[in-house]
Amino acid sequence: MIIEIKGTQFINKGAELMLYAALEQIKLKWPEAEIALRPSSHSPYLKRAKVGAWQKLCLHKHVIDINWLSYYFPQPLRSFLKGWGIVTEADIDCVLDASGFAYGDQWPIRQLTHTSKEITRFHHNKKPFILLPQALGPFELPILADSIKQHWQHAGLIFARDKVSYRHIKACVGESQKLSNLHLMPDFTNLVKGQAVGLENANRTVLFIPNNKMLSTKNNRRDWVEHYVDMMATYCVDVDKLGYIPVLLNHDGDKDQGLCLAIAKQANLPIRIVKIDDPLQVKGLIGEVAAVISSRFHGCVSALSQGVPCIGTSWSHKYEELFADYHQQAYLISQPNSDHKPQIDTLLTADYANACRTNPAIAELKSQSQQMWNLVFEKMESLRGN
């Protein structure tokens, strides 16, 4: 069985962590299963080879998609391609889409329309296409809403990662069309155990995780563009004054590196900038420190799911929903001029740290993630038996 894991990459550590989370569960259930990944500039050959992945041949460019032709390739040609490590859509038995946040009005239309047609092709070929928990929407553009209404009923399973995403999908299909394949489940990286890094003075370290999307055109909360660097730098200074060590973590390559440098310069402190290649070690580092201030979604997940005190900054509904899931809404900054901005000295108290470690939401959300994987494997088993 060849399972394609779609939507992950190796530059953004959150996206890579989702890949490792899926690999971990697949190997537990089906040790003999093989995986396929799509090539891209953020998913280079050597990285894909390291996890033992076939290369998925993608026959689409911009709006043109001719992947359907692969079902007409003669078997000798498909065998020849496999000899070079290449598989086609016709060779794939199941797709697990772990895109995270890729379908909605703020993204290119072709991302969703390609996926919609792919869902229907897989359905017609009796193969499951499963959207793992991810943020979805909004879908105000009629072309997106129509695509979902026409195709997504054919998905094996759809997991919305939060209540807002769930409502966005329901609004597309309308009350008259029931989506029995739609479920609400949390981010599934909460099951992954991090690898210890052994950071010196970790118990006195506050880890800052910037996000270039706070300054991008995809962020509709435009006040962040003017205030984001200043606010993060101010927090670094506050941490330093309290006797803690601010450390910046680059979570997403060159764009975040420039942002880390800008924050350190604005703070006027000798702040260390850390870049770790292994996403499991990134999660391990987050689990070691005293507290985290994160603008990266999976930086927040990795902190909250390990009981580490965390302040988040938001550019999307997915942050509000995440902090609500963990009952930590007071520690999320949705706007930079908020009158209720959480304070560093509160974040670093022993009482709050203990409350985070013993947060009952951690066990509950992990249980839901395990339920999600049970549903995934049940669906895959039922279609394999046909």
Protein backbone atom coordinates (compact mmCIF):
# COMPACT_ATOMS: atom_id res chain seq x y z
CA MET A 1 0.00 0.00 0.00
CA ILE A 2 1.29 3.43 -0.99
CA ILE A 3 -0.03 6.36 1.02
CA GLU A 4 0.57 9.89 -0.21
CA ILE A 5 0.97 12.52 2.49
CA LYS A 6 0.00 15.81 0.90
CA GLY A 7 0.63 19.39 1.99
CA THR A 8 3.71 18.89 4.16
CA GLN A 9 7.23 20.23 3.61
CA PHE A 10 10.66 20.49 5.24
CA ILE A 11 11.23 24.24 5.67
CA ASN A 12 8.30 25.15 7.89
CA LYS A 13 8.83 23.07 11.04
CA GLY A 14 5.11 22.89 11.78
CA ALA A 15 4.41 21.37 8.38
CA GLU A 16 7.30 18.95 8.85
CA LEU A 17 6.02 18.01 12.30
CA MET A 18 2.66 17.08 10.73
CA LEU A 19 4.54 14.79 8.33
CA TYR A 20 6.32 13.06 11.20
CA ALA A 21 3.05 12.80 13.15
CA ALA A 22 1.40 11.03 10.21
CA LEU A 23 4.42 8.78 9.61
CA GLU A 24 4.42 7.74 13.27
CA GLN A 25 0.79 6.62 13.17
CA ILE A 26 1.09 4.89 9.79
CA LYS A 27 4.09 2.86 10.94
CA LEU A 28 2.29 1.85 14.13
CA LYS A 29 -0.74 0.62 12.18
CA TRP A 30 0.85 -0.68 8.96
CA PRO A 31 4.63 -1.12 9.26
CA GLU A 32 4.76 -2.40 5.69
CA ALA A 33 3.06 0.68 4.21
CA GLU A 34 5.01 2.92 1.83
CA ILE A 35 4.62 6.68 1.50
CA ALA A 36 4.84 9.15 -1.37
CA LEU A 37 5.58 12.87 -1.27
CA ARG A 38 5.32 15.56 -3.92
CA PRO A 39 8.54 17.33 -4.90
CA SER A 40 8.86 21.08 -4.42
CA SER A 41 11.45 23.69 -3.51
CA HIS A 42 10.45 23.18 0.13
CA SER A 43 10.46 19.39 -0.20
CA PRO A 44 13.78 18.53 -1.88
CA TYR A 45 14.83 15.05 -2.96
CA LEU A 46 17.35 14.34 -0.19
CA LYS A 47 14.82 15.25 2.50
CA ARG A 48 12.19 13.02 0.92
CA ALA A 49 14.69 10.19 0.51
CA LYS A 50 15.59 10.44 4.20
CA VAL A 51 12.05 9.42 5.18
CA GLY A 52 11.94 6.69 2.50
CA ALA A 53 9.33 8.35 0.31
CA TRP A 54 8.47 7.63 -3.30
CA GLN A 55 8.46 10.71 -5.51
CA LYS A 56 4.92 11.54 -6.63
CA LEU A 57 4.76 12.55 -10.30
CA CYS A 58 2.54 15.65 -10.45
CA LEU A 59 1.08 16.28 -13.88
CA HIS A 60 -0.25 19.75 -13.25
CA LYS A 61 0.99 23.25 -13.77
CA HIS A 62 -0.94 26.32 -12.64
CA VAL A 63 -4.57 25.74 -13.74
CA ILE A 64 -3.79 22.71 -15.93
CA ASP A 65 -4.19 19.29 -14.29
CA ILE A 66 -3.76 16.11 -16.34
CA ASN A 67 -3.05 13.66 -13.51
CA TRP A 68 -6.06 11.68 -14.73
CA LEU A 69 -3.86 10.49 -17.62
CA SER A 70 -1.82 8.37 -15.21
CA TYR A 71 -4.69 5.87 -14.97
CA TYR A 72 -4.15 5.14 -18.68
CA PHE A 73 -0.39 4.58 -18.40
CA PRO A 74 0.45 0.99 -19.39
CA GLN A 75 1.78 -1.14 -16.56
CA PRO A 76 5.27 -1.45 -18.11
CA LEU A 77 5.60 2.36 -18.09
CA ARG A 78 4.47 2.58 -14.45
CA SER A 79 6.94 -0.17 -13.50
CA PHE A 80 9.70 1.68 -15.36
CA LEU A 81 8.93 4.88 -13.45
CA LYS A 82 8.96 3.03 -10.13
CA GLY A 83 12.42 1.79 -11.00
CA TRP A 84 13.45 5.45 -10.86
CA GLY A 85 11.62 5.99 -7.57
CA ILE A 86 8.62 7.70 -9.19
CA VAL A 87 4.94 6.85 -8.66
CA THR A 88 1.85 8.35 -10.27
CA GLU A 89 -1.58 9.13 -8.94
CA ALA A 90 -2.74 5.77 -10.29
CA ASP A 91 -0.21 4.01 -8.02
CA ILE A 92 -1.39 5.80 -4.87
CA ASP A 93 -3.82 3.85 -2.68
CA CYS A 94 -4.77 6.68 -0.31
CA VAL A 95 -4.11 10.39 0.22
CA LEU A 96 -3.75 11.94 3.67
CA ASP A 97 -3.95 15.71 3.17
CA ALA A 98 -2.08 17.42 6.02
CA SER A 99 -1.98 20.89 4.48
CA GLY A 100 -2.58 22.67 7.79
CA PHE A 101 -4.02 25.88 6.34
CA ALA A 102 -4.19 25.98 2.54
CA TYR A 103 -7.85 26.17 1.53
CA GLY A 104 -9.70 29.46 1.76
CA ASP A 105 -10.17 32.89 0.19
CA GLN A 106 -6.65 34.06 1.06
CA TRP A 107 -4.95 31.30 -0.95
CA PRO A 108 -4.70 30.78 -4.74
CA ILE A 109 -7.97 29.43 -6.14
CA ARG A 110 -6.20 26.59 -7.95
CA GLN A 111 -5.06 25.02 -4.65
CA LEU A 112 -8.61 24.15 -3.69
CA THR A 113 -9.97 23.43 -7.17
CA HIS A 114 -7.13 20.99 -7.94
CA THR A 115 -7.78 19.22 -4.63
CA SER A 116 -11.53 19.07 -5.26
CA LYS A 117 -11.09 17.35 -8.61
CA GLU A 118 -8.52 15.02 -7.09
CA ILE A 119 -11.00 14.05 -4.36
CA THR A 120 -13.58 13.07 -6.98
CA ARG A 121 -11.04 11.11 -9.05
CA PHE A 122 -10.01 9.12 -6.00
CA HIS A 123 -13.66 8.45 -5.16
CA HIS A 124 -14.35 7.15 -8.66
CA ASN A 125 -11.35 4.85 -8.36
CA LYS A 126 -12.51 3.61 -4.93
CA LYS A 127 -9.54 5.11 -3.09
CA PRO A 128 -9.90 7.30 0.01
CA PHE A 129 -8.86 10.95 0.01
CA ILE A 130 -8.78 12.09 3.64
CA LEU A 131 -8.32 15.66 4.83
CA LEU A 132 -6.55 15.44 8.18
CA PRO A 133 -7.36 18.14 10.79
CA GLN A 134 -6.64 21.58 9.38
CA ALA A 135 -7.92 25.15 9.34
CA LEU A 136 -10.36 25.79 6.50
CA GLY A 137 -11.96 28.88 5.01
CA PRO A 138 -13.46 31.35 4.81
CA PHE A 139 -15.02 30.57 1.43
CA GLU A 140 -16.67 33.81 0.34
CA LEU A 141 -15.54 33.37 -3.28
CA PRO A 142 -18.35 31.54 -5.14
CA ILE A 143 -15.89 29.45 -7.16
CA LEU A 144 -14.47 27.96 -3.96
CA ALA A 145 -17.85 27.34 -2.34
CA ASP A 146 -19.17 25.72 -5.52
CA SER A 147 -16.09 23.50 -5.77
CA ILE A 148 -16.57 22.26 -2.22
CA LYS A 149 -20.27 21.66 -2.74
CA GLN A 150 -19.65 19.70 -5.93
CA HIS A 151 -16.68 17.56 -4.85
CA TRP A 152 -16.03 17.35 -1.11
CA GLN A 153 -18.93 15.01 -0.42
CA HIS A 154 -16.73 12.40 -2.13
CA ALA A 155 -13.87 12.74 0.35
CA GLY A 156 -13.27 9.72 2.54
CA LEU A 157 -13.15 11.94 5.63
CA ILE A 158 -12.89 15.68 6.29
CA PHE A 159 -11.54 16.84 9.64
CA ALA A 160 -11.98 20.51 10.47
CA ARG A 161 -9.46 21.53 13.11
CA ASP A 162 -11.71 24.07 14.82
CA LYS A 163 -15.34 25.17 15.12
CA VAL A 164 -14.91 28.14 12.75
CA SER A 165 -13.47 25.90 10.01
CA TYR A 166 -16.29 23.42 10.59
CA ARG A 167 -18.88 26.18 10.14
CA HIS A 168 -17.17 27.40 6.97
CA ILE A 169 -17.54 23.95 5.38
CA LYS A 170 -21.14 23.57 6.55
CA ALA A 171 -22.01 26.98 5.12
CA CYS A 172 -20.67 25.94 1.70
CA VAL A 173 -22.80 22.84 1.36
CA GLY A 174 -25.93 24.32 2.98
CA GLU A 175 -28.40 22.75 5.35
CA SER A 176 -29.99 20.63 2.62
CA GLN A 177 -26.78 18.70 1.89
CA LYS A 178 -25.45 16.57 4.71
CA LEU A 179 -21.75 15.84 4.95
CA SER A 180 -21.56 12.60 6.90
CA ASN A 181 -17.81 12.57 6.31
CA LEU A 182 -17.23 15.87 8.16
CA HIS A 183 -15.83 15.76 11.71
CA LEU A 184 -14.38 18.20 14.21
CA MET A 185 -10.99 17.11 15.58
CA PRO A 186 -7.96 19.01 16.99
CA ASP A 187 -4.48 19.37 15.55
CA PHE A 188 -2.92 15.90 15.56
CA THR A 189 0.70 16.84 16.30
CA ASN A 190 -0.20 16.84 20.01
CA LEU A 191 0.49 13.07 20.04
CA VAL A 192 4.10 13.45 18.89
CA LYS A 193 6.78 13.24 21.56
CA GLY A 194 9.64 15.71 21.16
CA GLN A 195 13.32 14.85 21.39
CA ALA A 196 15.31 16.49 24.18
CA VAL A 197 17.81 19.15 23.12
CA GLY A 198 19.38 19.88 26.51
CA LEU A 199 19.42 23.67 26.16
CA GLU A 200 21.64 25.30 28.75
CA ASN A 201 19.63 27.29 31.32
CA ALA A 202 16.39 26.05 29.75
CA ASN A 203 14.44 26.61 32.98
CA ARG A 204 15.40 30.32 32.78
CA THR A 205 14.73 30.66 29.04
CA VAL A 206 11.72 32.22 27.30
CA LEU A 207 11.53 31.08 23.69
CA PHE A 208 10.25 33.56 21.08
CA ILE A 209 8.93 32.12 17.80
CA PRO A 210 8.22 34.84 15.21
CA ASN A 211 6.14 34.42 12.06
CA ASN A 212 6.62 36.41 8.86
CA LYS A 213 2.91 36.03 8.08
CA MET A 214 2.22 38.54 10.86
CA LEU A 215 3.55 41.12 8.37
CA SER A 216 2.24 39.60 5.12
CA THR A 217 -0.71 40.55 2.94
CA LYS A 218 -2.41 37.34 4.08
CA ASN A 219 -2.86 38.94 7.51
CA ASN A 220 -6.03 41.01 7.38
CA ARG A 221 -5.29 42.48 10.81
CA ARG A 222 -3.18 45.29 9.39
CA ASP A 223 -2.25 46.88 12.75
CA TRP A 224 0.25 44.08 13.18
CA VAL A 225 2.38 45.36 10.29
CA GLU A 226 3.21 48.54 12.19
CA HIS A 227 3.44 47.15 15.72
CA TYR A 228 4.56 43.50 15.55
CA VAL A 229 8.35 43.89 15.68
CA ASP A 230 8.12 46.54 18.41
CA MET A 231 5.82 44.37 20.53
CA MET A 232 8.01 41.27 20.27
CA ALA A 233 11.11 43.34 21.04
CA THR A 234 9.38 44.87 24.07
CA TYR A 235 8.56 41.40 25.35
CA CYS A 236 12.23 40.40 24.94
CA VAL A 237 13.24 43.40 27.06
CA ASP A 238 10.59 42.54 29.68
CA VAL A 239 11.91 38.97 29.90
CA ASP A 240 15.48 40.20 30.28
CA LYS A 241 14.49 42.60 33.09
CA LEU A 242 12.87 39.74 34.99
CA GLY A 243 16.14 37.79 34.93
CA TYR A 244 15.13 35.34 32.20
CA ILE A 245 16.92 34.70 28.91
CA PRO A 246 15.10 35.61 25.69
CA VAL A 247 15.96 33.24 22.80
CA LEU A 248 14.60 33.54 19.26
CA LEU A 249 13.68 30.36 17.35
CA ASN A 250 13.62 30.46 13.54
CA HIS A 251 10.70 28.17 12.68
CA ASP A 252 10.48 28.79 8.93
CA GLY A 253 13.67 29.52 7.01
CA ASP A 254 14.99 32.73 5.50
CA LYS A 255 11.88 34.88 5.94
CA ASP A 256 11.70 34.20 9.66
CA GLN A 257 15.47 34.67 9.97
CA GLY A 258 15.17 38.28 8.82
CA LEU A 259 12.36 38.83 11.29
CA CYS A 260 14.40 37.33 14.13
CA LEU A 261 17.25 39.71 13.32
CA ALA A 262 14.89 42.70 13.24
CA ILE A 263 13.42 41.83 16.66
CA ALA A 264 16.86 41.34 18.21
CA LYS A 265 18.05 44.66 16.78
CA GLN A 266 14.97 46.50 18.04
CA ALA A 267 15.37 44.99 21.53
CA ASN A 268 19.04 46.06 21.54
CA LEU A 269 20.02 42.89 23.37
CA PRO A 270 22.50 40.11 22.49
CA ILE A 271 19.70 37.65 21.80
CA ARG A 272 20.63 34.19 20.57
CA ILE A 273 18.85 33.02 17.39
CA VAL A 274 18.36 29.25 17.19
CA LYS A 275 17.59 27.22 14.07
CA ILE A 276 17.00 23.47 14.46
CA ASP A 277 16.54 21.21 11.44
CA ASP A 278 14.74 18.33 13.17
CA PRO A 279 11.08 19.18 14.00
CA LEU A 280 11.07 16.61 16.81
CA GLN A 281 13.95 18.48 18.44
CA VAL A 282 12.08 21.76 17.91
CA LYS A 283 9.20 20.31 19.89
CA GLY A 284 11.65 18.95 22.46
CA LEU A 285 13.20 22.40 22.88
CA ILE A 286 9.78 23.98 23.37
CA GLY A 287 9.05 21.41 26.06
CA GLU A 288 12.23 22.30 27.97
CA VAL A 289 11.93 26.07 28.35
CA ALA A 290 10.20 28.14 31.04
CA ALA A 291 7.73 29.77 28.63
CA VAL A 292 7.04 30.43 24.96
CA ILE A 293 5.85 33.51 23.07
CA SER A 294 4.83 32.23 19.66
CA SER A 295 3.34 33.58 16.46
CA ARG A 296 3.65 30.15 14.83
CA PHE A 297 0.59 27.90 15.16
CA HIS A 298 2.56 24.73 15.76
CA GLY A 299 4.87 26.54 18.13
CA CYS A 300 1.76 27.29 20.18
CA VAL A 301 0.47 23.71 19.86
CA SER A 302 3.82 22.28 20.92
CA ALA A 303 3.84 24.50 24.01
CA LEU A 304 0.19 24.11 25.03
CA SER A 305 0.14 20.33 24.47
CA GLN A 306 3.22 19.92 26.69
CA GLY A 307 1.93 22.16 29.47
CA VAL A 308 4.41 24.98 28.79
CA PRO A 309 3.16 28.53 29.54
CA CYS A 310 2.52 30.25 26.22
CA ILE A 311 1.50 33.64 24.88
CA GLY A 312 0.33 33.58 21.26
CA THR A 313 -0.19 36.26 18.64
CA SER A 314 -2.92 35.76 16.07
CA TRP A 315 -3.31 36.51 12.36
CA SER A 316 -6.08 33.93 11.74
CA HIS A 317 -9.09 32.37 13.46
CA LYS A 318 -7.09 29.19 13.93
CA TYR A 319 -5.22 30.78 16.87
CA GLU A 320 -8.38 31.88 18.68
CA GLU A 321 -9.81 28.41 18.32
CA LEU A 322 -6.60 26.71 19.47
CA PHE A 323 -6.30 28.78 22.64
CA ALA A 324 -10.01 28.21 23.34
CA ASP A 325 -9.46 24.45 23.04
CA TYR A 326 -6.81 24.68 25.78
CA HIS A 327 -8.84 27.22 27.82
CA GLN A 328 -6.03 29.76 27.46
CA GLN A 329 -7.87 32.60 25.67
CA ALA A 330 -6.46 35.22 28.07
CA TYR A 331 -2.96 34.48 26.77
CA LEU A 332 -3.68 35.15 23.09
CA ILE A 333 -3.10 38.60 21.56
CA SER A 334 -5.49 39.07 18.65
CA GLN A 335 -4.67 42.75 18.08
CA PRO A 336 -1.44 44.57 18.98
CA ASN A 337 -3.30 47.40 20.72
CA SER A 338 -5.26 45.09 23.01
CA ASP A 339 -5.98 46.54 26.45
CA HIS A 340 -5.80 43.03 27.88
CA LYS A 341 -2.35 42.09 26.64
CA PRO A 342 -1.08 39.25 28.87
CA GLN A 343 1.82 40.19 31.08
CA ILE A 344 5.16 38.41 31.16
CA ASP A 345 5.38 38.40 34.95
CA THR A 346 2.06 36.52 35.14
CA LEU A 347 3.23 34.03 32.51
CA LEU A 348 6.34 33.21 34.55
CA THR A 349 4.75 32.56 37.93
CA ALA A 350 5.05 29.11 39.49
CA ASP A 351 1.28 28.91 39.99
CA TYR A 352 0.58 29.50 36.31
CA ALA A 353 3.27 27.04 35.23
CA ASN A 354 1.68 24.38 37.43
CA ALA A 355 -1.78 25.18 36.02
CA CYS A 356 -0.42 24.68 32.49
CA ARG A 357 1.22 21.34 33.35
CA THR A 358 -1.98 20.00 34.90
CA ASN A 359 -4.38 21.41 32.27
CA PRO A 360 -7.03 18.68 31.75
CA ALA A 361 -7.53 19.83 28.15
CA ILE A 362 -4.17 18.26 27.22
CA ALA A 363 -5.31 14.70 27.87
CA GLU A 364 -8.74 15.33 26.35
CA LEU A 365 -7.35 16.73 23.08
CA LYS A 366 -4.83 13.89 22.80
CA SER A 367 -7.68 11.44 23.22
CA GLN A 368 -9.57 13.15 20.41
CA SER A 369 -6.52 12.94 18.14
CA GLN A 370 -6.32 9.20 18.78
CA GLN A 371 -10.03 8.91 17.97
CA MET A 372 -9.33 10.74 14.72
CA TRP A 373 -6.66 8.24 13.71
CA ASN A 374 -9.00 5.38 14.58
CA LEU A 375 -11.57 6.83 12.15
CA VAL A 376 -8.89 7.25 9.47
CA PHE A 377 -7.73 3.65 9.75
CA GLU A 378 -11.29 2.32 9.82
CA LYS A 379 -12.05 4.19 6.59
CA MET A 380 -8.87 2.97 4.93
CA GLU A 381 -9.55 -0.63 6.02
CA SER A 382 -13.12 -0.55 4.71
CA LEU A 383 -12.02 0.61 1.27
CA ARG A 384 -9.07 -1.78 1.14
CA GLY A 385 -11.50 -4.63 1.69
CA ASN A 386 -13.64 -3.69 -1.30
